[in-house]
All heavy atoms as atom14 arrays in JSON, in Angstrom:
{
  "sequence": "KKIIPWKNSTPSLDLEMAFQDRAAKLGKSNSRLIVVASLIDKPTNL",
  "atom14_mask": [
    [1, 1, 1, 1, 1, 1, 1, 1, 1, 0, 0, 0, 0, 0],
    [1, 1, 1, 1, 1, 1, 1, 1, 1, 0, 0, 0, 0, 0],
    [1, 1, 1, 1, 1, 1, 1, 1, 0, 0, 0, 0, 0, 0],
    [1, 1, 1, 1, 1, 1, 1, 1, 0, 0, 0, 0, 0, 0],
    [1, 1, 1, 1, 1, 1, 1, 0, 0, 0, 0, 0, 0, 0],
    [1, 1, 1, 1, 1, 1, 1, 1, 1, 1, 1, 1, 1, 1],
    [1, 1, 1, 1, 1, 1, 1, 1, 1, 0, 0, 0, 0, 0],
    [1, 1, 1, 1, 1, 1, 1, 1, 0, 0, 0, 0, 0, 0],
    [1, 1, 1, 1, 1, 1, 0, 0, 0, 0, 0, 0, 0, 0],
    [1, 1, 1, 1, 1, 1, 1, 0, 0, 0, 0, 0, 0, 0],
    [1, 1, 1, 1, 1, 1, 1, 0, 0, 0, 0, 0, 0, 0],
    [1, 1, 1, 1, 1, 1, 0, 0, 0, 0, 0, 0, 0, 0],
    [1, 1, 1, 1, 1, 1, 1, 1, 0, 0, 0, 0, 0, 0],
    [1, 1, 1, 1, 1, 1, 1, 1, 0, 0, 0, 0, 0, 0],
    [1, 1, 1, 1, 1, 1, 1, 1, 0, 0, 0, 0, 0, 0],
    [1, 1, 1, 1, 1, 1, 1, 1, 1, 0, 0, 0, 0, 0],
    [1, 1, 1, 1, 1, 1, 1, 1, 0, 0, 0, 0, 0, 0],
    [1, 1, 1, 1, 1, 0, 0, 0, 0, 0, 0, 0, 0, 0],
    [1, 1, 1, 1, 1, 1, 1, 1, 1, 1, 1, 0, 0, 0],
    [1, 1, 1, 1, 1, 1, 1, 1, 1, 0, 0, 0, 0, 0],
    [1, 1, 1, 1, 1, 1, 1, 1, 0, 0, 0, 0, 0, 0],
    [1, 1, 1, 1, 1, 1, 1, 1, 1, 1, 1, 0, 0, 0],
    [1, 1, 1, 1, 1, 0, 0, 0, 0, 0, 0, 0, 0, 0],
    [1, 1, 1, 1, 1, 0, 0, 0, 0, 0, 0, 0, 0, 0],
    [1, 1, 1, 1, 1, 1, 1, 1, 1, 0, 0, 0, 0, 0],
    [1, 1, 1, 1, 1, 1, 1, 1, 0, 0, 0, 0, 0, 0],
    [1, 1, 1, 1, 0, 0, 0, 0, 0, 0, 0, 0, 0, 0],
    [1, 1, 1, 1, 1, 1, 1, 1, 1, 0, 0, 0, 0, 0],
    [1, 1, 1, 1, 1, 1, 0, 0, 0, 0, 0, 0, 0, 0],
    [1, 1, 1, 1, 1, 1, 1, 1, 0, 0, 0, 0, 0, 0],
    [1, 1, 1, 1, 1, 1, 0, 0, 0, 0, 0, 0, 0, 0],
    [1, 1, 1, 1, 1, 1, 1, 1, 1, 1, 1, 0, 0, 0],
    [1, 1, 1, 1, 1, 1, 1, 1, 0, 0, 0, 0, 0, 0],
    [1, 1, 1, 1, 1, 1, 1, 1, 0, 0, 0, 0, 0, 0],
    [1, 1, 1, 1, 1, 1, 1, 0, 0, 0, 0, 0, 0, 0],
    [1, 1, 1, 1, 1, 1, 1, 0, 0, 0, 0, 0, 0, 0],
    [1, 1, 1, 1, 1, 0, 0, 0, 0, 0, 0, 0, 0, 0],
    [1, 1, 1, 1, 1, 1, 0, 0, 0, 0, 0, 0, 0, 0],
    [1, 1, 1, 1, 1, 1, 1, 1, 0, 0, 0, 0, 0, 0],
    [1, 1, 1, 1, 1, 1, 1, 1, 0, 0, 0, 0, 0, 0],
    [1, 1, 1, 1, 1, 1, 1, 1, 0, 0, 0, 0, 0, 0],
    [1, 1, 1, 1, 1, 1, 1, 1, 1, 0, 0, 0, 0, 0],
    [1, 1, 1, 1, 1, 1, 1, 0, 0, 0, 0, 0, 0, 0],
    [1, 1, 1, 1, 1, 1, 1, 0, 0, 0, 0, 0, 0, 0],
    [1, 1, 1, 1, 1, 1, 1, 1, 0, 0, 0, 0, 0, 0],
    [1, 1, 1, 1, 1, 1, 1, 1, 0, 0, 0, 0, 0, 0]
  ],
  "atom14_positions": [
    [[0.88, -1.16, 0.01], [0.0, 0.0, 0.0], [0.91, 1.23, 0.01], [1.9, 1.27, 0.72], [-0.91, 0.03, 1.23], [-1.88, -1.19, 1.26], [-2.69, -1.15, 2.53], [-3.62, -2.34, 2.57], [-4.38, -2.42, 3.86], [0.0, 0.0, 0.0], [0.0, 0.0, 0.0], [0.0, 0.0, 0.0], [0.0, 0.0, 0.0], [0.0, 0.0, 0.0]],
    [[0.56, 2.18, -0.84], [1.38, 3.35, -0.96], [0.64, 4.64, -0.63], [-0.57, 4.77, -0.94], [1.96, 3.47, -2.4], [2.73, 2.23, -2.87], [3.21, 2.43, -4.28], [4.05, 1.23, -4.76], [3.22, 0.08, -5.03], [0.0, 0.0, 0.0], [0.0, 0.0, 0.0], [0.0, 0.0, 0.0], [0.0, 0.0, 0.0], [0.0, 0.0, 0.0]],
    [[1.34, 5.58, -0.01], [0.79, 6.92, 0.18], [1.75, 7.85, -0.55], [2.95, 7.95, -0.21], [0.73, 7.29, 1.67], [-0.28, 6.39, 2.4], [0.32, 8.77, 1.8], [-0.37, 6.71, 3.84], [0.0, 0.0, 0.0], [0.0, 0.0, 0.0], [0.0, 0.0, 0.0], [0.0, 0.0, 0.0], [0.0, 0.0, 0.0], [0.0, 0.0, 0.0]],
    [[1.22, 8.53, -1.54], [1.98, 9.61, -2.19], [1.26, 10.9, -1.77], [0.27, 11.27, -2.35], [1.97, 9.47, -3.73], [2.32, 8.08, -4.17], [2.94, 10.49, -4.32], [3.71, 7.6, -3.76], [0.0, 0.0, 0.0], [0.0, 0.0, 0.0], [0.0, 0.0, 0.0], [0.0, 0.0, 0.0], [0.0, 0.0, 0.0], [0.0, 0.0, 0.0]],
    [[1.71, 11.58, -0.71], [0.94, 12.58, -0.03], [0.53, 13.78, -0.89], [-0.5, 14.38, -0.63], [1.83, 13.07, 1.13], [2.83, 11.93, 1.27], [3.03, 11.42, -0.06], [0.0, 0.0, 0.0], [0.0, 0.0, 0.0], [0.0, 0.0, 0.0], [0.0, 0.0, 0.0], [0.0, 0.0, 0.0], [0.0, 0.0, 0.0], [0.0, 0.0, 0.0]],
    [[1.34, 14.18, -1.86], [1.1, 15.43, -2.51], [0.21, 15.31, -3.74], [0.06, 16.29, -4.49], [2.4, 16.14, -2.82], [3.27, 15.3, -3.75], [3.29, 15.32, -5.1], [4.21, 14.33, -3.33], [4.2, 14.36, -5.55], [4.79, 13.76, -4.5], [4.65, 13.87, -2.07], [5.72, 12.78, -4.41], [5.59, 12.89, -2.04], [6.12, 12.35, -3.23]],
    [[-0.31, 14.18, -4.01], [-1.14, 14.01, -5.2], [-2.14, 12.86, -4.97], [-1.9, 12.0, -4.16], [-0.32, 13.78, -6.42], [0.39, 12.47, -6.42], [1.45, 12.35, -7.55], [0.77, 12.41, -8.91], [1.76, 12.25, -9.97], [0.0, 0.0, 0.0], [0.0, 0.0, 0.0], [0.0, 0.0, 0.0], [0.0, 0.0, 0.0], [0.0, 0.0, 0.0]],
    [[-3.27, 12.85, -5.69], [-4.14, 11.73, -5.6], [-3.46, 10.54, -6.24], [-3.0, 10.66, -7.38], [-5.46, 12.07, -6.34], [-6.24, 13.16, -5.63], [-6.19, 13.25, -4.41], [-6.94, 13.95, -6.42], [0.0, 0.0, 0.0], [0.0, 0.0, 0.0], [0.0, 0.0, 0.0], [0.0, 0.0, 0.0], [0.0, 0.0, 0.0], [0.0, 0.0, 0.0]],
    [[-3.45, 9.43, -5.58], [-2.67, 8.27, -6.12], [-3.41, 6.99, -5.83], [-4.33, 6.91, -4.99], [-1.31, 8.28, -5.46], [-1.43, 8.1, -4.09], [0.0, 0.0, 0.0], [0.0, 0.0, 0.0], [0.0, 0.0, 0.0], [0.0, 0.0, 0.0], [0.0, 0.0, 0.0], [0.0, 0.0, 0.0], [0.0, 0.0, 0.0], [0.0, 0.0, 0.0]],
    [[-3.02, 5.98, -6.54], [-3.57, 4.66, -6.33], [-2.42, 3.67, -6.01], [-1.23, 3.99, -6.32], [-4.23, 4.11, -7.6], [-3.31, 4.02, -8.68], [-5.37, 5.06, -8.02], [0.0, 0.0, 0.0], [0.0, 0.0, 0.0], [0.0, 0.0, 0.0], [0.0, 0.0, 0.0], [0.0, 0.0, 0.0], [0.0, 0.0, 0.0], [0.0, 0.0, 0.0]],
    [[-2.65, 2.52, -5.43], [-1.56, 1.61, -5.12], [-0.76, 1.16, -6.33], [0.33, 0.71, -6.2], [-2.28, 0.41, -4.49], [-3.55, 0.97, -3.91], [-3.95, 2.05, -4.9], [0.0, 0.0, 0.0], [0.0, 0.0, 0.0], [0.0, 0.0, 0.0], [0.0, 0.0, 0.0], [0.0, 0.0, 0.0], [0.0, 0.0, 0.0], [0.0, 0.0, 0.0]],
    [[-1.33, 1.29, -7.53], [-0.6, 0.8, -8.72], [0.25, 1.93, -9.3], [0.94, 1.69, -10.31], [-1.63, 0.34, -9.77], [-2.49, 1.42, -10.14], [0.0, 0.0, 0.0], [0.0, 0.0, 0.0], [0.0, 0.0, 0.0], [0.0, 0.0, 0.0], [0.0, 0.0, 0.0], [0.0, 0.0, 0.0], [0.0, 0.0, 0.0], [0.0, 0.0, 0.0]],
    [[0.26, 3.11, -8.72], [1.06, 4.21, -9.24], [2.54, 3.83, -9.27], [3.09, 3.31, -8.27], [0.85, 5.44, -8.39], [1.64, 6.69, -8.84], [1.13, 7.22, -10.2], [1.54, 7.79, -7.78], [0.0, 0.0, 0.0], [0.0, 0.0, 0.0], [0.0, 0.0, 0.0], [0.0, 0.0, 0.0], [0.0, 0.0, 0.0], [0.0, 0.0, 0.0]],
    [[3.21, 4.12, -10.36], [4.66, 3.82, -10.44], [5.43, 4.71, -9.51], [5.48, 5.94, -9.72], [5.09, 4.0, -11.94], [6.58, 3.67, -12.13], [7.21, 3.25, -11.2], [7.01, 3.79, -13.27], [0.0, 0.0, 0.0], [0.0, 0.0, 0.0], [0.0, 0.0, 0.0], [0.0, 0.0, 0.0], [0.0, 0.0, 0.0], [0.0, 0.0, 0.0]],
    [[6.11, 4.14, -8.53], [6.86, 4.97, -7.58], [7.97, 5.77, -8.25], [8.33, 6.85, -7.86], [7.42, 4.14, -6.46], [6.55, 3.92, -5.23], [7.3, 3.08, -4.23], [6.16, 5.24, -4.65], [0.0, 0.0, 0.0], [0.0, 0.0, 0.0], [0.0, 0.0, 0.0], [0.0, 0.0, 0.0], [0.0, 0.0, 0.0], [0.0, 0.0, 0.0]],
    [[8.57, 5.2, -9.28], [9.67, 5.85, -9.96], [9.24, 7.23, -10.52], [9.91, 8.23, -10.4], [10.25, 5.01, -11.05], [11.62, 5.44, -11.57], [12.68, 5.09, -10.56], [12.44, 4.33, -9.61], [13.82, 5.64, -10.65], [0.0, 0.0, 0.0], [0.0, 0.0, 0.0], [0.0, 0.0, 0.0], [0.0, 0.0, 0.0], [0.0, 0.0, 0.0]],
    [[8.0, 7.23, -11.1], [7.47, 8.48, -11.6], [7.12, 9.44, -10.38], [7.33, 10.67, -10.54], [6.22, 8.19, -12.43], [6.46, 7.47, -13.7], [7.55, 8.39, -14.8], [6.46, 9.8, -15.18], [0.0, 0.0, 0.0], [0.0, 0.0, 0.0], [0.0, 0.0, 0.0], [0.0, 0.0, 0.0], [0.0, 0.0, 0.0], [0.0, 0.0, 0.0]],
    [[6.68, 8.85, -9.35], [6.37, 9.64, -8.19], [7.62, 10.34, -7.62], [7.56, 11.44, -7.17], [5.71, 8.8, -7.08], [0.0, 0.0, 0.0], [0.0, 0.0, 0.0], [0.0, 0.0, 0.0], [0.0, 0.0, 0.0], [0.0, 0.0, 0.0], [0.0, 0.0, 0.0], [0.0, 0.0, 0.0], [0.0, 0.0, 0.0], [0.0, 0.0, 0.0]],
    [[8.73, 9.6, -7.57], [9.99, 10.18, -7.1], [10.36, 11.4, -7.94], [10.78, 12.44, -7.42], [11.1, 9.16, -7.17], [10.92, 7.91, -6.31], [11.62, 6.76, -6.59], [9.94, 7.94, -5.3], [11.41, 5.63, -5.82], [9.76, 6.81, -4.55], [10.5, 5.65, -4.8], [0.0, 0.0, 0.0], [0.0, 0.0, 0.0], [0.0, 0.0, 0.0]],
    [[10.28, 11.25, -9.24], [10.65, 12.37, -10.14], [9.68, 13.54, -9.95], [10.08, 14.7, -9.9], [10.57, 11.9, -11.58], [11.6, 10.82, -11.94], [11.46, 10.23, -13.31], [10.68, 10.68, -14.07], [12.16, 9.15, -13.58], [0.0, 0.0, 0.0], [0.0, 0.0, 0.0], [0.0, 0.0, 0.0], [0.0, 0.0, 0.0], [0.0, 0.0, 0.0]],
    [[8.43, 13.25, -9.73], [7.4, 14.24, -9.49], [7.69, 15.0, -8.18], [7.58, 16.25, -8.09], [6.01, 13.63, -9.44], [4.91, 14.68, -9.42], [4.92, 15.53, -10.27], [4.0, 14.56, -8.55], [0.0, 0.0, 0.0], [0.0, 0.0, 0.0], [0.0, 0.0, 0.0], [0.0, 0.0, 0.0], [0.0, 0.0, 0.0], [0.0, 0.0, 0.0]],
    [[8.11, 14.23, -7.2], [8.44, 14.81, -5.89], [9.62, 15.81, -6.02], [9.65, 16.91, -5.51], [8.79, 13.71, -4.91], [9.25, 14.2, -3.58], [9.61, 12.99, -2.68], [9.8, 13.42, -1.33], [10.95, 13.76, -0.78], [12.05, 13.73, -1.54], [11.06, 14.04, 0.45], [0.0, 0.0, 0.0], [0.0, 0.0, 0.0], [0.0, 0.0, 0.0]],
    [[10.64, 15.33, -6.76], [11.82, 16.15, -6.93], [11.5, 17.47, -7.63], [11.97, 18.56, -7.24], [12.89, 15.4, -7.73], [0.0, 0.0, 0.0], [0.0, 0.0, 0.0], [0.0, 0.0, 0.0], [0.0, 0.0, 0.0], [0.0, 0.0, 0.0], [0.0, 0.0, 0.0], [0.0, 0.0, 0.0], [0.0, 0.0, 0.0], [0.0, 0.0, 0.0]],
    [[10.6, 17.39, -8.62], [10.26, 18.56, -9.38], [9.41, 19.53, -8.57], [9.62, 20.72, -8.5], [9.51, 18.17, -10.66], [0.0, 0.0, 0.0], [0.0, 0.0, 0.0], [0.0, 0.0, 0.0], [0.0, 0.0, 0.0], [0.0, 0.0, 0.0], [0.0, 0.0, 0.0], [0.0, 0.0, 0.0], [0.0, 0.0, 0.0], [0.0, 0.0, 0.0]],
    [[8.43, 18.95, -7.82], [7.48, 19.82, -7.15], [8.05, 20.39, -5.79], [7.71, 21.5, -5.43], [6.21, 19.01, -6.82], [5.34, 18.74, -8.04], [4.01, 18.22, -7.69], [3.17, 18.07, -8.93], [1.8, 17.59, -8.69], [0.0, 0.0, 0.0], [0.0, 0.0, 0.0], [0.0, 0.0, 0.0], [0.0, 0.0, 0.0], [0.0, 0.0, 0.0]],
    [[8.94, 19.63, -5.15], [9.42, 20.06, -3.9], [10.85, 20.65, -4.01], [11.39, 21.1, -2.99], [9.4, 18.88, -2.9], [8.06, 18.25, -2.63], [8.2, 17.11, -1.57], [7.05, 19.28, -2.16], [0.0, 0.0, 0.0], [0.0, 0.0, 0.0], [0.0, 0.0, 0.0], [0.0, 0.0, 0.0], [0.0, 0.0, 0.0], [0.0, 0.0, 0.0]],
    [[11.45, 20.63, -5.16], [12.76, 21.2, -5.32], [13.81, 20.36, -4.62], [14.89, 20.87, -4.23], [0.0, 0.0, 0.0], [0.0, 0.0, 0.0], [0.0, 0.0, 0.0], [0.0, 0.0, 0.0], [0.0, 0.0, 0.0], [0.0, 0.0, 0.0], [0.0, 0.0, 0.0], [0.0, 0.0, 0.0], [0.0, 0.0, 0.0], [0.0, 0.0, 0.0]],
    [[13.57, 19.08, -4.41], [14.5, 18.21, -3.71], [15.35, 17.38, -4.72], [14.97, 17.33, -5.89], [13.77, 17.27, -2.79], [12.94, 18.03, -1.75], [13.47, 17.71, -0.35], [12.69, 18.53, 0.66], [12.51, 17.8, 1.87], [0.0, 0.0, 0.0], [0.0, 0.0, 0.0], [0.0, 0.0, 0.0], [0.0, 0.0, 0.0], [0.0, 0.0, 0.0]],
    [[16.37, 16.73, -4.21], [17.18, 15.88, -5.07], [16.43, 14.73, -5.53], [15.49, 14.24, -4.88], [18.41, 15.39, -4.25], [17.95, 14.59, -3.18], [0.0, 0.0, 0.0], [0.0, 0.0, 0.0], [0.0, 0.0, 0.0], [0.0, 0.0, 0.0], [0.0, 0.0, 0.0], [0.0, 0.0, 0.0], [0.0, 0.0, 0.0], [0.0, 0.0, 0.0]],
    [[16.76, 14.24, -6.72], [16.1, 13.05, -7.29], [16.81, 11.79, -6.74], [17.36, 11.02, -7.49], [16.16, 13.12, -8.84], [15.09, 12.27, -9.43], [14.2, 11.74, -8.77], [15.16, 12.09, -10.75], [0.0, 0.0, 0.0], [0.0, 0.0, 0.0], [0.0, 0.0, 0.0], [0.0, 0.0, 0.0], [0.0, 0.0, 0.0], [0.0, 0.0, 0.0]],
    [[16.72, 11.66, -5.42], [17.45, 10.57, -4.78], [16.87, 9.22, -5.1], [15.74, 9.08, -5.44], [17.39, 10.82, -3.21], [17.85, 9.65, -2.54], [0.0, 0.0, 0.0], [0.0, 0.0, 0.0], [0.0, 0.0, 0.0], [0.0, 0.0, 0.0], [0.0, 0.0, 0.0], [0.0, 0.0, 0.0], [0.0, 0.0, 0.0], [0.0, 0.0, 0.0]],
    [[17.75, 8.2, -5.04], [17.31, 6.82, -5.28], [17.57, 5.99, -4.05], [17.96, 4.81, -4.21], [18.02, 6.28, -6.56], [17.53, 6.8, -7.81], [16.09, 6.37, -8.11], [15.55, 6.92, -9.31], [14.99, 8.12, -9.43], [14.92, 8.92, -8.39], [14.5, 8.57, -10.56], [0.0, 0.0, 0.0], [0.0, 0.0, 0.0], [0.0, 0.0, 0.0]],
    [[17.39, 6.56, -2.88], [17.58, 5.79, -1.63], [16.2, 5.46, -1.06], [15.35, 6.29, -0.79], [18.32, 6.65, -0.59], [18.46, 5.98, 0.77], [19.32, 4.8, 0.69], [19.01, 7.01, 1.77], [0.0, 0.0, 0.0], [0.0, 0.0, 0.0], [0.0, 0.0, 0.0], [0.0, 0.0, 0.0], [0.0, 0.0, 0.0], [0.0, 0.0, 0.0]],
    [[15.95, 4.16, -0.89], [14.75, 3.63, -0.27], [15.14, 3.15, 1.12], [16.04, 2.31, 1.28], [14.13, 2.48, -1.07], [13.67, 2.99, -2.46], [12.91, 1.92, -0.34], [13.17, 1.89, -3.39], [0.0, 0.0, 0.0], [0.0, 0.0, 0.0], [0.0, 0.0, 0.0], [0.0, 0.0, 0.0], [0.0, 0.0, 0.0], [0.0, 0.0, 0.0]],
    [[14.43, 3.66, 2.14], [14.71, 3.21, 3.53], [13.59, 2.26, 3.94], [12.41, 2.6, 3.93], [14.74, 4.45, 4.46], [14.95, 4.02, 5.91], [15.78, 5.45, 3.98], [0.0, 0.0, 0.0], [0.0, 0.0, 0.0], [0.0, 0.0, 0.0], [0.0, 0.0, 0.0], [0.0, 0.0, 0.0], [0.0, 0.0, 0.0], [0.0, 0.0, 0.0]],
    [[13.98, 1.03, 4.28], [13.05, 0.0, 4.63], [13.07, -0.21, 6.17], [14.03, -0.67, 6.71], [13.32, -1.31, 3.9], [12.35, -2.45, 4.34], [13.24, -1.11, 2.4], [0.0, 0.0, 0.0], [0.0, 0.0, 0.0], [0.0, 0.0, 0.0], [0.0, 0.0, 0.0], [0.0, 0.0, 0.0], [0.0, 0.0, 0.0], [0.0, 0.0, 0.0]],
    [[11.97, 0.17, 6.79], [11.81, 0.05, 8.25], [10.7, -0.87, 8.65], [10.13, -0.71, 9.76], [11.59, 1.45, 8.81], [0.0, 0.0, 0.0], [0.0, 0.0, 0.0], [0.0, 0.0, 0.0], [0.0, 0.0, 0.0], [0.0, 0.0, 0.0], [0.0, 0.0, 0.0], [0.0, 0.0, 0.0], [0.0, 0.0, 0.0], [0.0, 0.0, 0.0]],
    [[10.41, -1.83, 7.82], [9.28, -2.77, 8.12], [9.48, -3.59, 9.35], [8.57, -4.05, 9.99], [9.03, -3.7, 6.9], [8.64, -2.99, 5.78], [0.0, 0.0, 0.0], [0.0, 0.0, 0.0], [0.0, 0.0, 0.0], [0.0, 0.0, 0.0], [0.0, 0.0, 0.0], [0.0, 0.0, 0.0], [0.0, 0.0, 0.0], [0.0, 0.0, 0.0]],
    [[10.74, -3.8, 9.75], [11.04, -4.65, 10.92], [10.97, -3.82, 12.23], [11.03, -4.4, 13.36], [12.43, -5.28, 10.78], [12.64, -6.22, 9.61], [14.06, -6.58, 9.47], [11.77, -7.46, 9.73], [0.0, 0.0, 0.0], [0.0, 0.0, 0.0], [0.0, 0.0, 0.0], [0.0, 0.0, 0.0], [0.0, 0.0, 0.0], [0.0, 0.0, 0.0]],
    [[10.83, -2.52, 12.11], [10.8, -1.62, 13.28], [9.35, -1.51, 13.78], [8.47, -1.29, 12.98], [11.41, -0.28, 12.92], [12.9, -0.46, 12.54], [11.28, 0.69, 14.08], [13.51, 0.82, 12.0], [0.0, 0.0, 0.0], [0.0, 0.0, 0.0], [0.0, 0.0, 0.0], [0.0, 0.0, 0.0], [0.0, 0.0, 0.0], [0.0, 0.0, 0.0]],
    [[9.13, -1.62, 15.09], [7.81, -1.58, 15.6], [7.57, -0.46, 16.65], [6.43, -0.41, 17.2], [7.35, -2.92, 16.15], [8.36, -3.53, 17.15], [9.05, -2.76, 17.78], [8.41, -4.76, 17.21], [0.0, 0.0, 0.0], [0.0, 0.0, 0.0], [0.0, 0.0, 0.0], [0.0, 0.0, 0.0], [0.0, 0.0, 0.0], [0.0, 0.0, 0.0]],
    [[8.55, 0.39, 16.92], [8.33, 1.48, 17.81], [7.94, 2.76, 17.08], [8.72, 3.2, 16.25], [9.55, 1.72, 18.7], [9.81, 0.63, 19.74], [10.91, 1.01, 20.7], [11.09, -0.1, 21.75], [12.19, 0.24, 22.65], [0.0, 0.0, 0.0], [0.0, 0.0, 0.0], [0.0, 0.0, 0.0], [0.0, 0.0, 0.0], [0.0, 0.0, 0.0]],
    [[6.76, 3.33, 17.34], [6.35, 4.5, 16.63], [7.32, 5.67, 16.69], [7.46, 6.43, 15.74], [5.01, 4.89, 17.23], [4.51, 3.58, 17.87], [5.73, 2.87, 18.29], [0.0, 0.0, 0.0], [0.0, 0.0, 0.0], [0.0, 0.0, 0.0], [0.0, 0.0, 0.0], [0.0, 0.0, 0.0], [0.0, 0.0, 0.0], [0.0, 0.0, 0.0]],
    [[8.01, 5.81, 17.82], [8.97, 6.91, 17.98], [10.11, 6.75, 16.97], [10.55, 7.72, 16.33], [9.51, 6.97, 19.39], [9.95, 5.66, 19.79], [8.43, 7.46, 20.37], [0.0, 0.0, 0.0], [0.0, 0.0, 0.0], [0.0, 0.0, 0.0], [0.0, 0.0, 0.0], [0.0, 0.0, 0.0], [0.0, 0.0, 0.0], [0.0, 0.0, 0.0]],
    [[10.63, 5.52, 16.85], [11.7, 5.27, 15.89], [11.25, 5.51, 14.47], [11.94, 6.11, 13.64], [12.26, 3.83, 16.06], [13.15, 3.71, 17.26], [13.78, 4.69, 17.72], [13.16, 2.55, 17.83], [0.0, 0.0, 0.0], [0.0, 0.0, 0.0], [0.0, 0.0, 0.0], [0.0, 0.0, 0.0], [0.0, 0.0, 0.0], [0.0, 0.0, 0.0]],
    [[10.07, 5.06, 14.15], [9.48, 5.24, 12.79], [9.21, 6.68, 12.51], [9.49, 7.16, 11.4], [8.24, 4.42, 12.62], [8.41, 2.88, 12.63], [7.11, 2.16, 12.77], [9.12, 2.48, 11.28], [0.0, 0.0, 0.0], [0.0, 0.0, 0.0], [0.0, 0.0, 0.0], [0.0, 0.0, 0.0], [0.0, 0.0, 0.0], [0.0, 0.0, 0.0]]
  ]
}
């Protein structure tokens, strides 16, 4: 399940396009770092 906060999106939305859209709209780097925290269960750490 995906949340792309700045636009209406569906779970099938291509994240790669979303990353580029984010970089363009927010003026951020077009980073390719994915941080996986699925094993973490403390809300403060997340």
